Amino acid sequence: MDEVLAELGIRFLAGGALVSLFALLGDLFQPKSFSGLFGAAPSVAIATLALTVHKHGPGYAAVEARSMALAAFGLYVYCACVSAWLYRRRRPVAPAALAAFVPWFAVAGAGWTLLWVLR
């Protein structure tokens, strides 16, 4: 139980420190909305990878990092599809957001399959 609490404490401190650092960096640049963008995913990913390296070693962390990169690409495809739909059609957001899950899952599935085959 103490080990779990220690790991949670480290996650909290490392994640909080990195979120604050990225938010500070984002606040230095224009537009200010970058602060929230930089404060979220990159800082959590870095903290998670650092803890993963510490607990499971660099090999395991490399697999996790590849998975994160693939997930980020899938999210990019999702965002690009939603943006294209909304820009061209000027329609409600909900149908675009729901429909874009299809290419996101397709990219994620293709990437997972590719990683599985190359393994």
N, C-alpha and C. Protein backbone atom coordinates (compact mmCIF):
# COMPACT_ATOMS: atom_id res chain seq x y z
N MET A 1 0.82 -1.19 0.00
CA MET A 1 0.00 0.00 0.00
C MET A 1 0.87 1.26 0.00
N ASP A 2 1.95 1.23 0.77
CA ASP A 2 2.85 2.38 0.82
C ASP A 2 3.50 2.64 -0.52
N GLU A 3 3.81 1.56 -1.27
CA GLU A 3 4.42 1.72 -2.58
C GLU A 3 3.46 2.40 -3.56
N VAL A 4 2.20 2.04 -3.48
CA VAL A 4 1.19 2.66 -4.34
C VAL A 4 1.04 4.13 -4.01
N LEU A 5 0.99 4.46 -2.73
CA LEU A 5 0.87 5.87 -2.33
C LEU A 5 2.11 6.67 -2.73
N ALA A 6 3.28 6.06 -2.62
CA ALA A 6 4.51 6.74 -3.02
C ALA A 6 4.50 7.02 -4.52
N GLU A 7 4.06 6.02 -5.31
CA GLU A 7 4.00 6.22 -6.76
C GLU A 7 2.98 7.30 -7.12
N LEU A 8 1.84 7.29 -6.47
CA LEU A 8 0.85 8.33 -6.72
C LEU A 8 1.39 9.71 -6.36
N GLY A 9 2.12 9.80 -5.26
CA GLY A 9 2.72 11.07 -4.85
C GLY A 9 3.73 11.57 -5.87
N ILE A 10 4.56 10.64 -6.37
CA ILE A 10 5.54 11.02 -7.38
C ILE A 10 4.85 11.47 -8.66
N ARG A 11 3.80 10.73 -9.06
CA ARG A 11 3.04 11.13 -10.24
C ARG A 11 2.45 12.53 -10.06
N PHE A 12 1.90 12.77 -8.89
CA PHE A 12 1.29 14.06 -8.60
C PHE A 12 2.33 15.18 -8.68
N LEU A 13 3.46 14.98 -8.05
CA LEU A 13 4.49 16.03 -8.04
C LEU A 13 5.13 16.22 -9.41
N ALA A 14 5.51 15.13 -10.05
CA ALA A 14 6.14 15.24 -11.37
C ALA A 14 5.16 15.80 -12.39
N GLY A 15 3.94 15.28 -12.40
CA GLY A 15 2.93 15.78 -13.34
C GLY A 15 2.62 17.24 -13.09
N GLY A 16 2.45 17.62 -11.83
CA GLY A 16 2.15 19.01 -11.50
C GLY A 16 3.27 19.95 -11.88
N ALA A 17 4.51 19.52 -11.63
CA ALA A 17 5.65 20.36 -11.98
C ALA A 17 5.75 20.54 -13.50
N LEU A 18 5.55 19.45 -14.24
CA LEU A 18 5.64 19.56 -15.69
C LEU A 18 4.47 20.34 -16.29
N VAL A 19 3.29 20.15 -15.74
CA VAL A 19 2.14 20.94 -16.21
C VAL A 19 2.42 22.42 -15.98
N SER A 20 2.93 22.75 -14.81
CA SER A 20 3.24 24.16 -14.51
C SER A 20 4.31 24.70 -15.44
N LEU A 21 5.34 23.90 -15.71
CA LEU A 21 6.42 24.34 -16.60
C LEU A 21 5.89 24.57 -18.01
N PHE A 22 5.13 23.63 -18.52
CA PHE A 22 4.59 23.79 -19.87
C PHE A 22 3.60 24.94 -19.94
N ALA A 23 2.81 25.14 -18.89
CA ALA A 23 1.88 26.27 -18.87
C ALA A 23 2.65 27.59 -18.88
N LEU A 24 3.75 27.64 -18.15
CA LEU A 24 4.59 28.84 -18.15
C LEU A 24 5.17 29.09 -19.53
N LEU A 25 5.68 28.04 -20.17
CA LEU A 25 6.21 28.20 -21.52
C LEU A 25 5.12 28.63 -22.50
N GLY A 26 3.95 28.01 -22.38
CA GLY A 26 2.84 28.38 -23.25
C GLY A 26 2.39 29.81 -23.03
N ASP A 27 2.53 30.29 -21.82
CA ASP A 27 2.10 31.66 -21.49
C ASP A 27 3.05 32.70 -22.10
N LEU A 28 4.26 32.28 -22.42
CA LEU A 28 5.24 33.19 -23.00
C LEU A 28 4.98 33.46 -24.48
N PHE A 29 4.21 32.58 -25.13
CA PHE A 29 3.99 32.69 -26.56
C PHE A 29 2.56 33.12 -26.86
N GLN A 30 2.35 33.59 -28.09
CA GLN A 30 1.03 34.01 -28.54
C GLN A 30 0.45 32.93 -29.43
N PRO A 31 -0.78 32.64 -29.50
CA PRO A 31 -1.85 33.10 -28.63
C PRO A 31 -1.78 32.42 -27.26
N LYS A 32 -2.43 33.00 -26.31
CA LYS A 32 -2.39 32.50 -24.94
C LYS A 32 -3.06 31.14 -24.80
N SER A 33 -3.85 30.74 -25.78
CA SER A 33 -4.50 29.43 -25.70
C SER A 33 -3.49 28.29 -25.78
N PHE A 34 -2.26 28.57 -26.25
CA PHE A 34 -1.23 27.55 -26.27
C PHE A 34 -0.88 27.09 -24.86
N SER A 35 -1.09 27.94 -23.89
CA SER A 35 -0.77 27.59 -22.51
C SER A 35 -1.53 26.33 -22.08
N GLY A 36 -2.80 26.28 -22.35
CA GLY A 36 -3.60 25.11 -22.00
C GLY A 36 -3.22 23.90 -22.81
N LEU A 37 -2.93 24.11 -24.10
CA LEU A 37 -2.54 23.01 -24.97
C LEU A 37 -1.23 22.39 -24.50
N PHE A 38 -0.24 23.21 -24.21
CA PHE A 38 1.05 22.69 -23.78
C PHE A 38 1.00 22.13 -22.37
N GLY A 39 0.08 22.63 -21.57
CA GLY A 39 0.01 22.18 -20.18
C GLY A 39 -0.62 20.83 -20.00
N ALA A 40 -1.26 20.29 -21.01
CA ALA A 40 -2.02 19.05 -20.85
C ALA A 40 -1.21 17.82 -21.26
N ALA A 41 -1.37 17.41 -22.48
CA ALA A 41 -0.85 16.12 -22.94
C ALA A 41 0.68 15.98 -22.86
N PRO A 42 1.46 16.95 -23.32
CA PRO A 42 2.91 16.73 -23.29
C PRO A 42 3.46 16.52 -21.88
N SER A 43 2.99 17.29 -20.96
CA SER A 43 3.52 17.18 -19.60
C SER A 43 3.12 15.86 -18.95
N VAL A 44 1.90 15.44 -19.16
CA VAL A 44 1.44 14.16 -18.60
C VAL A 44 2.19 13.01 -19.26
N ALA A 45 2.41 13.09 -20.57
CA ALA A 45 3.14 12.03 -21.27
C ALA A 45 4.58 11.93 -20.77
N ILE A 46 5.23 13.05 -20.59
CA ILE A 46 6.62 13.03 -20.12
C ILE A 46 6.70 12.46 -18.71
N ALA A 47 5.81 12.88 -17.84
CA ALA A 47 5.82 12.36 -16.47
C ALA A 47 5.54 10.86 -16.46
N THR A 48 4.60 10.42 -17.26
CA THR A 48 4.28 8.99 -17.33
C THR A 48 5.47 8.20 -17.86
N LEU A 49 6.11 8.69 -18.91
CA LEU A 49 7.27 7.98 -19.46
C LEU A 49 8.43 7.94 -18.47
N ALA A 50 8.65 9.02 -17.74
CA ALA A 50 9.73 9.02 -16.75
C ALA A 50 9.47 7.99 -15.66
N LEU A 51 8.24 7.91 -15.19
CA LEU A 51 7.91 6.91 -14.18
C LEU A 51 7.98 5.50 -14.75
N THR A 52 7.60 5.34 -16.00
CA THR A 52 7.65 4.03 -16.64
C THR A 52 9.09 3.55 -16.79
N VAL A 53 9.98 4.46 -17.19
CA VAL A 53 11.40 4.10 -17.29
C VAL A 53 11.92 3.67 -15.92
N HIS A 54 11.56 4.42 -14.89
CA HIS A 54 12.03 4.12 -13.54
C HIS A 54 11.51 2.76 -13.05
N LYS A 55 10.27 2.47 -13.36
CA LYS A 55 9.65 1.25 -12.81
C LYS A 55 9.89 0.01 -13.68
N HIS A 56 9.81 0.17 -15.03
CA HIS A 56 9.85 -1.00 -15.91
C HIS A 56 11.05 -1.04 -16.84
N GLY A 57 11.80 0.03 -16.93
CA GLY A 57 12.97 0.05 -17.80
C GLY A 57 12.69 0.73 -19.13
N PRO A 58 13.78 1.05 -19.86
CA PRO A 58 13.64 1.80 -21.11
C PRO A 58 12.95 1.02 -22.24
N GLY A 59 13.09 -0.28 -22.29
CA GLY A 59 12.45 -1.06 -23.34
C GLY A 59 10.93 -0.97 -23.27
N TYR A 60 10.40 -1.13 -22.08
CA TYR A 60 8.96 -1.04 -21.87
C TYR A 60 8.47 0.38 -22.16
N ALA A 61 9.26 1.37 -21.74
CA ALA A 61 8.89 2.77 -21.97
C ALA A 61 8.90 3.09 -23.46
N ALA A 62 9.80 2.46 -24.22
CA ALA A 62 9.84 2.69 -25.67
C ALA A 62 8.55 2.21 -26.33
N VAL A 63 8.04 1.08 -25.89
CA VAL A 63 6.78 0.58 -26.42
C VAL A 63 5.65 1.54 -26.07
N GLU A 64 5.65 2.02 -24.84
CA GLU A 64 4.62 2.98 -24.42
C GLU A 64 4.72 4.28 -25.22
N ALA A 65 5.94 4.73 -25.48
CA ALA A 65 6.13 5.97 -26.24
C ALA A 65 5.63 5.81 -27.67
N ARG A 66 5.89 4.64 -28.28
CA ARG A 66 5.37 4.38 -29.62
C ARG A 66 3.85 4.41 -29.62
N SER A 67 3.26 3.84 -28.59
CA SER A 67 1.80 3.84 -28.49
C SER A 67 1.27 5.26 -28.34
N MET A 68 1.95 6.09 -27.55
CA MET A 68 1.54 7.48 -27.38
C MET A 68 1.64 8.24 -28.70
N ALA A 69 2.71 8.01 -29.45
CA ALA A 69 2.88 8.69 -30.73
C ALA A 69 1.79 8.27 -31.71
N LEU A 70 1.48 7.01 -31.72
CA LEU A 70 0.42 6.51 -32.60
C LEU A 70 -0.94 7.10 -32.20
N ALA A 71 -1.19 7.16 -30.92
CA ALA A 71 -2.45 7.75 -30.44
C ALA A 71 -2.52 9.23 -30.79
N ALA A 72 -1.40 9.92 -30.70
CA ALA A 72 -1.38 11.35 -31.07
C ALA A 72 -1.68 11.53 -32.55
N PHE A 73 -1.15 10.64 -33.39
CA PHE A 73 -1.45 10.73 -34.82
C PHE A 73 -2.93 10.45 -35.08
N GLY A 74 -3.48 9.47 -34.37
CA GLY A 74 -4.92 9.20 -34.50
C GLY A 74 -5.75 10.40 -34.09
N LEU A 75 -5.35 11.06 -33.01
CA LEU A 75 -6.06 12.26 -32.57
C LEU A 75 -5.94 13.38 -33.60
N TYR A 76 -4.77 13.49 -34.22
CA TYR A 76 -4.60 14.49 -35.28
C TYR A 76 -5.56 14.23 -36.43
N VAL A 77 -5.68 12.96 -36.85
CA VAL A 77 -6.60 12.61 -37.93
C VAL A 77 -8.03 12.96 -37.54
N TYR A 78 -8.40 12.64 -36.29
CA TYR A 78 -9.73 12.97 -35.79
C TYR A 78 -9.98 14.48 -35.89
N CYS A 79 -9.05 15.27 -35.38
CA CYS A 79 -9.20 16.73 -35.38
C CYS A 79 -9.25 17.29 -36.81
N ALA A 80 -8.42 16.74 -37.69
CA ALA A 80 -8.42 17.19 -39.08
C ALA A 80 -9.76 16.90 -39.75
N CYS A 81 -10.32 15.72 -39.48
CA CYS A 81 -11.62 15.37 -40.06
C CYS A 81 -12.73 16.29 -39.54
N VAL A 82 -12.75 16.51 -38.24
CA VAL A 82 -13.77 17.40 -37.67
C VAL A 82 -13.61 18.81 -38.22
N SER A 83 -12.39 19.30 -38.27
CA SER A 83 -12.15 20.65 -38.77
C SER A 83 -12.58 20.78 -40.23
N ALA A 84 -12.22 19.80 -41.04
CA ALA A 84 -12.59 19.85 -42.46
C ALA A 84 -14.11 19.83 -42.62
N TRP A 85 -14.77 18.97 -41.87
CA TRP A 85 -16.24 18.87 -41.95
C TRP A 85 -16.89 20.20 -41.56
N LEU A 86 -16.45 20.79 -40.47
CA LEU A 86 -17.06 22.03 -40.00
C LEU A 86 -16.73 23.21 -40.91
N TYR A 87 -15.54 23.23 -41.45
CA TYR A 87 -15.13 24.34 -42.30
C TYR A 87 -15.89 24.33 -43.63
N ARG A 88 -16.06 23.14 -44.20
CA ARG A 88 -16.69 23.04 -45.51
C ARG A 88 -18.21 23.11 -45.46
N ARG A 89 -18.79 22.53 -44.42
CA ARG A 89 -20.23 22.37 -44.43
C ARG A 89 -20.98 23.31 -43.50
N ARG A 90 -20.29 23.91 -42.56
CA ARG A 90 -20.94 24.82 -41.59
C ARG A 90 -22.14 24.15 -40.93
N ARG A 91 -21.92 22.95 -40.43
CA ARG A 91 -22.98 22.15 -39.80
C ARG A 91 -22.75 22.08 -38.29
N PRO A 92 -23.69 21.47 -37.57
CA PRO A 92 -23.50 21.30 -36.12
C PRO A 92 -22.27 20.44 -35.80
N VAL A 93 -21.72 20.66 -34.65
CA VAL A 93 -20.49 19.99 -34.26
C VAL A 93 -20.70 18.51 -33.93
N ALA A 94 -21.79 18.17 -33.27
CA ALA A 94 -21.99 16.80 -32.79
C ALA A 94 -21.89 15.75 -33.90
N PRO A 95 -22.55 15.90 -35.05
CA PRO A 95 -22.40 14.87 -36.09
C PRO A 95 -20.97 14.74 -36.59
N ALA A 96 -20.28 15.86 -36.72
CA ALA A 96 -18.88 15.81 -37.18
C ALA A 96 -18.01 15.10 -36.15
N ALA A 97 -18.22 15.43 -34.88
CA ALA A 97 -17.42 14.82 -33.83
C ALA A 97 -17.67 13.31 -33.74
N LEU A 98 -18.90 12.91 -33.90
CA LEU A 98 -19.22 11.48 -33.85
C LEU A 98 -18.70 10.75 -35.08
N ALA A 99 -18.88 11.34 -36.26
CA ALA A 99 -18.44 10.68 -37.49
C ALA A 99 -16.92 10.54 -37.55
N ALA A 100 -16.20 11.47 -36.96
CA ALA A 100 -14.74 11.44 -37.02
C ALA A 100 -14.14 10.33 -36.16
N PHE A 101 -14.95 9.71 -35.31
CA PHE A 101 -14.43 8.56 -34.56
C PHE A 101 -14.05 7.41 -35.49
N VAL A 102 -14.73 7.30 -36.61
CA VAL A 102 -14.45 6.21 -37.55
C VAL A 102 -13.01 6.29 -38.07
N PRO A 103 -12.57 7.42 -38.65
CA PRO A 103 -11.17 7.45 -39.08
C PRO A 103 -10.17 7.35 -37.92
N TRP A 104 -10.54 7.89 -36.76
CA TRP A 104 -9.63 7.78 -35.61
C TRP A 104 -9.42 6.31 -35.26
N PHE A 105 -10.50 5.56 -35.15
CA PHE A 105 -10.37 4.14 -34.83
C PHE A 105 -9.68 3.37 -35.95
N ALA A 106 -9.91 3.79 -37.20
CA ALA A 106 -9.23 3.13 -38.32
C ALA A 106 -7.72 3.35 -38.23
N VAL A 107 -7.31 4.56 -37.95
CA VAL A 107 -5.87 4.86 -37.81
C VAL A 107 -5.29 4.11 -36.61
N ALA A 108 -6.00 4.12 -35.51
CA ALA A 108 -5.51 3.42 -34.32
C ALA A 108 -5.41 1.91 -34.58
N GLY A 109 -6.41 1.35 -35.22
CA GLY A 109 -6.39 -0.08 -35.53
C GLY A 109 -5.29 -0.45 -36.50
N ALA A 110 -5.11 0.38 -37.53
CA ALA A 110 -4.04 0.13 -38.50
C ALA A 110 -2.67 0.24 -37.84
N GLY A 111 -2.50 1.24 -36.99
CA GLY A 111 -1.22 1.41 -36.29
C GLY A 111 -0.94 0.27 -35.34
N TRP A 112 -1.96 -0.15 -34.61
CA TRP A 112 -1.78 -1.27 -33.68
C TRP A 112 -1.41 -2.54 -34.45
N THR A 113 -2.10 -2.76 -35.57
CA THR A 113 -1.81 -3.94 -36.39
C THR A 113 -0.39 -3.87 -36.93
N LEU A 114 0.01 -2.70 -37.40
CA LEU A 114 1.37 -2.53 -37.93
C LEU A 114 2.41 -2.79 -36.85
N LEU A 115 2.20 -2.25 -35.67
CA LEU A 115 3.14 -2.49 -34.58
C LEU A 115 3.17 -3.96 -34.19
N TRP A 116 2.03 -4.61 -34.23
CA TRP A 116 1.95 -6.03 -33.88
C TRP A 116 2.72 -6.87 -34.90
N VAL A 117 2.57 -6.54 -36.19
CA VAL A 117 3.24 -7.30 -37.24
C VAL A 117 4.75 -7.06 -37.21
N LEU A 118 5.16 -5.82 -36.96
CA LEU A 118 6.60 -5.50 -36.94
C LEU A 118 7.30 -5.97 -35.67
N ARG A 119 6.57 -6.38 -34.72
CA ARG A 119 7.14 -6.80 -33.45
C ARG A 119 7.91 -8.03 -33.61
